[in-house]
Protein backbone atom coordinates (compact mmCIF):
# COMPACT_ATOMS: atom_id res chain seq x y z
CA MET A 1 6.13 83.41 114.04
CA LYS A 2 3.92 80.92 115.86
CA SER A 3 1.52 82.36 118.42
CA ALA A 4 1.53 81.02 121.98
CA ILE A 5 -2.17 81.81 122.29
CA HIS A 6 -4.67 78.95 122.20
CA PRO A 7 -6.06 78.50 118.66
CA GLY A 8 -9.62 78.84 119.97
CA LEU A 9 -8.88 82.37 121.13
CA LEU A 10 -7.38 83.27 117.77
CA ALA A 11 -10.49 81.93 116.08
CA ALA A 12 -12.64 84.00 118.41
CA ALA A 13 -10.78 87.14 117.49
CA SER A 14 -11.43 86.50 113.80
CA GLY A 15 -15.16 86.06 114.19
CA ARG A 16 -17.95 85.16 116.56
CA ARG A 17 -19.34 82.50 114.21
CA ILE A 18 -16.07 80.54 114.21
CA PHE A 19 -15.81 80.93 117.97
CA LEU A 20 -19.33 79.65 118.57
CA SER A 21 -19.07 76.85 116.02
CA ARG A 22 -16.20 75.39 117.99
CA GLY A 23 -18.17 75.77 121.20
CA LEU A 24 -15.36 77.85 122.66
CA GLN A 25 -16.66 80.74 124.71
CA LEU A 26 -14.92 82.33 127.66
CA SER A 27 -17.70 83.32 130.05
CA ALA A 28 -18.57 86.70 131.21
CA ALA A 29 -21.20 85.17 133.36
CA ALA A 30 -18.58 83.42 135.27
CA VAL A 31 -16.75 86.61 135.88
CA ALA A 32 -19.90 88.21 137.12
CA LEU A 33 -20.82 85.26 139.25
CA LEU A 34 -17.63 85.62 141.18
CA GLY A 35 -18.41 89.23 141.83
CA GLY A 36 -16.04 89.48 138.93
CA ARG A 37 -16.88 92.98 137.85
CA HIS A 38 -14.86 94.36 140.75
CA ALA A 39 -12.38 91.49 141.08
CA LEU A 40 -11.54 91.65 137.40
CA ALA A 41 -10.91 95.37 137.39
CA ALA A 42 -8.84 95.23 140.60
CA ARG A 43 -6.71 92.32 139.43
CA SER A 44 -5.99 93.88 136.04
CA ASP A 45 -5.12 97.22 137.64
CA ALA A 46 -2.62 95.43 139.89
CA MET A 47 -0.19 94.88 137.03
CA SER A 48 0.93 96.87 134.01
CA SER A 49 -0.55 95.97 130.64
CA ASN A 50 1.68 93.01 129.87
CA ALA A 51 1.19 89.25 129.65
CA GLY A 52 1.12 89.05 133.45
CA ALA A 53 -1.85 91.39 133.62
CA ASP A 54 -3.63 89.45 130.89
CA ILE A 55 -3.07 86.23 132.84
CA LEU A 56 -4.56 87.79 135.98
CA ILE A 57 -7.65 88.86 134.04
CA LEU A 58 -8.03 85.38 132.56
CA GLU A 59 -7.54 83.73 135.96
CA ALA A 60 -10.28 85.93 137.44
CA ALA A 61 -12.54 85.02 134.53
CA LEU A 62 -11.82 81.33 135.10
CA ALA A 63 -12.66 81.61 138.79
CA ALA A 64 -15.93 83.25 137.80
CA GLU A 65 -16.64 80.48 135.28
CA HIS A 66 -16.20 77.90 138.02
CA ARG A 67 -18.67 79.86 140.12
CA ALA A 68 -21.17 80.03 137.24
CA ILE A 69 -20.95 76.28 136.72
CA ALA A 70 -21.65 75.73 140.41
CA ALA A 71 -24.51 78.25 140.42
CA TYR A 72 -26.25 76.59 137.48
CA GLN A 73 -25.76 73.21 139.16
CA LEU A 74 -27.40 74.59 142.28
CA GLY A 75 -30.35 75.71 140.19
CA ALA A 76 -30.57 72.36 138.38
CA ASP A 77 -30.43 70.42 141.66
CA SER A 78 -32.92 72.68 143.46
CA GLY A 79 -35.99 70.93 142.10
CA LEU A 80 -37.46 74.39 141.46
CA LEU A 81 -36.90 74.51 137.70
CA ARG A 82 -39.51 73.05 135.33
CA ALA A 83 -38.40 71.39 132.09
CA PRO A 84 -37.91 74.49 129.87
CA ALA A 85 -36.02 76.45 132.54
CA LEU A 86 -34.01 73.39 133.55
CA ALA A 87 -32.95 72.81 129.95
CA LEU A 88 -31.91 76.46 129.72
CA ALA A 89 -29.86 76.25 132.93
CA GLN A 90 -28.14 73.10 131.67
CA GLN A 91 -27.38 74.70 128.31
CA PHE A 92 -25.87 77.80 129.92
CA GLN A 93 -23.90 75.64 132.35
CA GLY A 94 -22.48 73.83 129.31
CA HIS A 95 -21.39 77.17 127.87
CA HIS A 96 -19.62 77.98 131.13
CA ARG A 97 -17.90 74.59 131.14
CA ALA A 98 -16.61 75.26 127.62
CA HIS A 99 -15.43 78.69 128.74
CA ALA A 100 -13.63 77.19 131.74
CA GLU A 101 -11.87 74.58 129.60
CA LEU A 102 -10.67 77.19 127.14
CA LEU A 103 -9.59 79.60 129.88
CA THR A 104 -7.67 76.86 131.68
CA THR A 105 -5.77 75.97 128.51
CA THR A 106 -5.09 79.60 127.63
CA VAL A 107 -3.86 80.55 131.10
CA ALA A 108 -1.49 77.57 131.08
CA GLN A 109 -0.20 78.40 127.59
CA LEU A 110 0.52 81.96 128.70
CA GLY A 111 2.47 80.69 131.72
CA GLY A 112 -0.14 81.23 134.42
CA SER A 113 -1.56 78.88 137.01
CA ALA A 114 -5.24 78.19 136.40
CA PRO A 115 -7.24 78.25 139.66
CA SER A 116 -9.24 75.15 140.57
CA ALA A 117 -12.87 75.37 141.52
CA PRO A 118 -13.46 75.64 145.27
CA ALA A 119 -15.34 72.82 146.99
CA SER A 120 -18.28 75.11 147.79
CA TYR A 121 -19.67 78.61 147.38
CA ALA A 122 -21.74 80.87 149.61
CA PHE A 123 -24.80 81.20 147.39
CA PRO A 124 -27.97 82.86 148.76
CA THR A 125 -29.85 79.56 148.93
CA ASP A 126 -32.25 80.89 151.56
CA GLU A 127 -33.50 83.39 148.95
CA LEU A 128 -34.20 80.73 146.30
CA GLY A 129 -37.71 79.45 146.93
CA SER A 130 -39.20 79.42 143.44
CA GLU A 131 -38.28 79.01 139.80
CA ALA A 132 -38.46 82.79 139.38
CA ASP A 133 -36.00 83.26 142.25
CA VAL A 134 -33.50 80.89 140.64
CA LEU A 135 -33.86 82.55 137.23
CA ARG A 136 -33.54 86.02 138.78
CA PHE A 137 -30.37 84.92 140.61
CA ALA A 138 -28.89 83.56 137.37
CA ALA A 139 -29.90 86.69 135.43
CA GLY A 140 -28.15 88.86 138.03
CA LEU A 141 -24.99 86.81 137.71
CA GLU A 142 -25.08 87.09 133.92
CA ARG A 143 -25.69 90.87 134.13
CA ASP A 144 -22.68 91.23 136.41
CA ALA A 145 -20.63 89.12 134.00
CA VAL A 146 -21.49 91.48 131.17
CA SER A 147 -20.30 94.40 133.27
CA ALA A 148 -17.13 92.54 134.26
CA TYR A 149 -16.16 91.76 130.69
CA LEU A 150 -17.06 95.28 129.61
CA ALA A 151 -14.59 96.60 132.20
CA ALA A 152 -11.94 93.98 131.34
CA VAL A 153 -11.85 94.17 127.54
CA PRO A 154 -9.91 97.46 127.30
CA LYS A 155 -7.44 96.29 129.96
CA PHE A 156 -6.03 93.39 127.94
CA GLY A 157 -2.58 94.07 126.54
CA ASN A 158 -3.10 91.37 123.92
CA ARG A 159 -5.78 92.57 121.51
CA GLU A 160 -6.64 89.00 120.42
CA LEU A 161 -7.54 88.21 124.02
CA ALA A 162 -9.57 91.42 124.17
CA GLY A 163 -11.49 90.34 121.08
CA ALA A 164 -12.16 86.90 122.55
CA ALA A 165 -13.34 88.46 125.82
CA ALA A 166 -15.64 90.78 123.85
CA SER A 167 -17.11 87.72 122.16
CA ILE A 168 -17.74 86.19 125.57
CA LEU A 169 -19.31 89.45 126.70
CA GLY A 170 -21.80 89.01 123.85
CA ASP A 171 -22.55 85.46 124.97
CA GLU A 172 -23.16 86.61 128.53
CA ALA A 173 -25.42 89.41 127.31
CA MET A 174 -27.49 86.84 125.40
CA HIS A 175 -27.74 84.67 128.53
CA TRP A 176 -28.93 87.68 130.50
CA ALA A 177 -31.53 88.63 127.87
CA VAL A 178 -32.87 85.07 127.59
CA LEU A 179 -33.17 84.75 131.36
CA ARG A 180 -35.00 88.08 131.57
CA GLY A 181 -37.36 86.86 128.87
CA ALA A 182 -37.95 83.62 130.78
CA LEU A 183 -38.94 85.77 133.77
CA GLY A 184 -41.46 87.67 131.63
CA GLU A 185 -39.31 90.81 131.74
CA VAL A 186 -38.27 92.93 128.77
CA PRO A 187 -35.23 91.00 127.50
CA VAL A 188 -33.21 94.10 126.56
CA PRO A 189 -34.34 96.92 128.86
CA LEU A 190 -31.70 99.53 127.91
CA ALA A 191 -29.84 100.71 124.84
CA PHE A 192 -26.50 100.58 126.69
CA VAL A 193 -24.94 98.34 129.33
CA SER A 194 -22.60 99.44 132.06
């Protein structure tokens, strides 16, 4: 029986190395950026654990990925990031773009309607006056993404999708840790995430 799930997601379920080698990562950061932690849980609770619920979770993740892409662009365009931090922001934005592409394809293959990115977002630009402010903003979005994926993983009806989302959760956790390190903070402050 041929699976209707995007091959990249199947690869992700079989191992993080394969998933990363293809550059296919769904983004937890995106979910967090959208305020996804709460949106993801609410949307997945709205339907029973069937393909429809999985599609809603993926659509919320995609919306968050779009937000993450825009947030990293804001940081890159701010003029506040020096070369090392700018390169980091661009790298993470690339991860989010790859996540968005994969999510779009997967949502469509499952019969959903992938949301487009809005023209603009209400980011707290008045609070971003230094490189540290931009990095702290990005770290907060990544932290929220980790929490969003942590809440979403057990809600997937399709275990392969849950595995792929868990892989993305790991990617978002690494983003968060690297950003904390760039801020001079302890990269992994706790033994558990919530």
